[in-house]
Amino acid sequence: MMFSPLNMAMVAAPLVNAGNSPQPYVLMNTRVQGTTTWTPVQAVRPSIPLATSKTARQLQDLMRNAVANGAADAWFRSASLNA
C-alpha cells in the first residue's frame, strides 16, 4: 500500500485541528490567457468533522506519551537482541 505526503497530511490534520479535517486545496491563483496578472482564487474551504475535539486531544496525548516514554524503545531493544 502506498501513501502520498498529501494522504499522510490528511491523516494528521484532524489531530491538530480539533478533530476537523480540512479539504485539500491546490489552486491558489488563476490567470486569463494572454495576460500577466494573476488573480487569487476566493474559495470556501470547509472542514469535515472526523472526531470530537476531546478525541483529538486524547490522541495527541497518546502520541506525546509514546514519544516521551519511548514506546518503540522496547521493540528496538528486542530487535537488536535477536539480530
Protein backbone atom coordinates (compact mmCIF):
# COMPACT_ATOMS: atom_id res chain seq x y z
CA MET A 1 0.00 0.00 0.00
CA MET A 2 1.39 3.39 -0.98
CA PHE A 3 0.54 6.77 0.54
CA SER A 4 1.40 10.21 -0.74
CA PRO A 5 2.53 13.06 1.51
CA LEU A 6 -0.92 14.59 0.97
CA ASN A 7 -2.57 11.38 2.21
CA MET A 8 -0.49 11.42 5.38
CA ALA A 9 -1.16 15.12 5.93
CA MET A 10 -4.88 14.40 5.69
CA VAL A 11 -4.48 11.67 8.33
CA ALA A 12 -2.67 14.00 10.74
CA ALA A 13 -4.77 17.12 10.10
CA PRO A 14 -7.71 16.26 12.38
CA LEU A 15 -5.34 15.65 15.27
CA VAL A 16 -4.03 19.20 15.21
CA ASN A 17 -7.29 20.82 14.10
CA ALA A 18 -9.61 19.81 16.98
CA GLY A 19 -10.94 16.78 15.12
CA ASN A 20 -11.71 18.59 11.85
CA SER A 21 -10.08 17.57 8.59
CA PRO A 22 -9.60 20.44 6.13
CA GLN A 23 -10.30 19.75 2.48
CA PRO A 24 -7.17 19.72 0.33
CA TYR A 25 -6.88 22.76 -1.88
CA VAL A 26 -4.23 23.24 -4.54
CA LEU A 27 -5.47 26.11 -6.72
CA MET A 28 -4.18 29.45 -5.44
CA ASN A 29 -4.34 31.81 -8.44
CA THR A 30 -5.74 31.98 -11.95
CA ARG A 31 -4.61 33.94 -14.99
CA VAL A 32 -6.53 34.84 -18.12
CA GLN A 33 -4.74 33.64 -21.24
CA GLY A 34 -2.63 36.37 -22.80
CA THR A 35 -2.30 38.43 -19.59
CA THR A 36 0.37 38.60 -16.92
CA THR A 37 -1.94 39.34 -13.99
CA TRP A 38 -2.67 36.53 -11.55
CA THR A 39 -5.93 36.67 -9.61
CA PRO A 40 -6.22 34.93 -6.23
CA VAL A 41 -9.00 32.35 -6.09
CA GLN A 42 -11.50 33.00 -3.35
CA ALA A 43 -12.94 29.65 -2.36
CA VAL A 44 -14.74 28.31 0.64
CA ARG A 45 -12.65 25.59 2.23
CA PRO A 46 -14.92 23.69 4.58
CA SER A 47 -13.57 21.16 7.02
CA ILE A 48 -15.04 17.75 7.70
CA PRO A 49 -15.52 16.77 11.35
CA LEU A 50 -13.87 13.35 11.75
CA ALA A 51 -13.65 13.21 15.52
CA THR A 52 -14.60 15.26 18.53
CA SER A 53 -12.08 17.74 19.90
CA LYS A 54 -11.89 15.54 23.03
CA THR A 55 -10.90 12.51 20.95
CA ALA A 56 -8.33 14.59 19.04
CA ARG A 57 -6.83 15.77 22.36
CA GLN A 58 -6.68 12.18 23.65
CA LEU A 59 -4.85 11.05 20.50
CA GLN A 60 -2.43 13.96 20.83
CA ASP A 61 -1.73 12.95 24.44
CA LEU A 62 -1.18 9.30 23.43
CA MET A 63 1.23 10.34 20.68
CA ARG A 64 3.15 12.66 23.02
CA ASN A 65 3.37 9.89 25.61
CA ALA A 66 4.65 7.42 23.00
CA VAL A 67 7.43 9.83 22.03
CA ALA A 68 8.26 10.97 25.57
CA ASN A 69 8.32 7.50 27.11
CA GLY A 70 9.86 5.61 24.22
CA ALA A 71 7.02 3.31 23.20
CA ALA A 72 9.16 1.91 20.40
CA ASP A 73 12.25 1.59 22.58
CA ALA A 74 11.37 -1.92 23.81
CA TRP A 75 10.80 -3.09 20.25
CA PHE A 76 14.15 -1.74 19.12
CA ARG A 77 15.92 -3.37 22.07
CA SER A 78 14.33 -6.75 21.38
CA ALA A 79 15.09 -6.45 17.65
CA SER A 80 18.76 -5.75 18.33
CA LEU A 81 19.00 -8.72 20.72
CA ASN A 82 17.51 -11.05 18.12
CA ALA A 83 19.80 -9.86 15.34
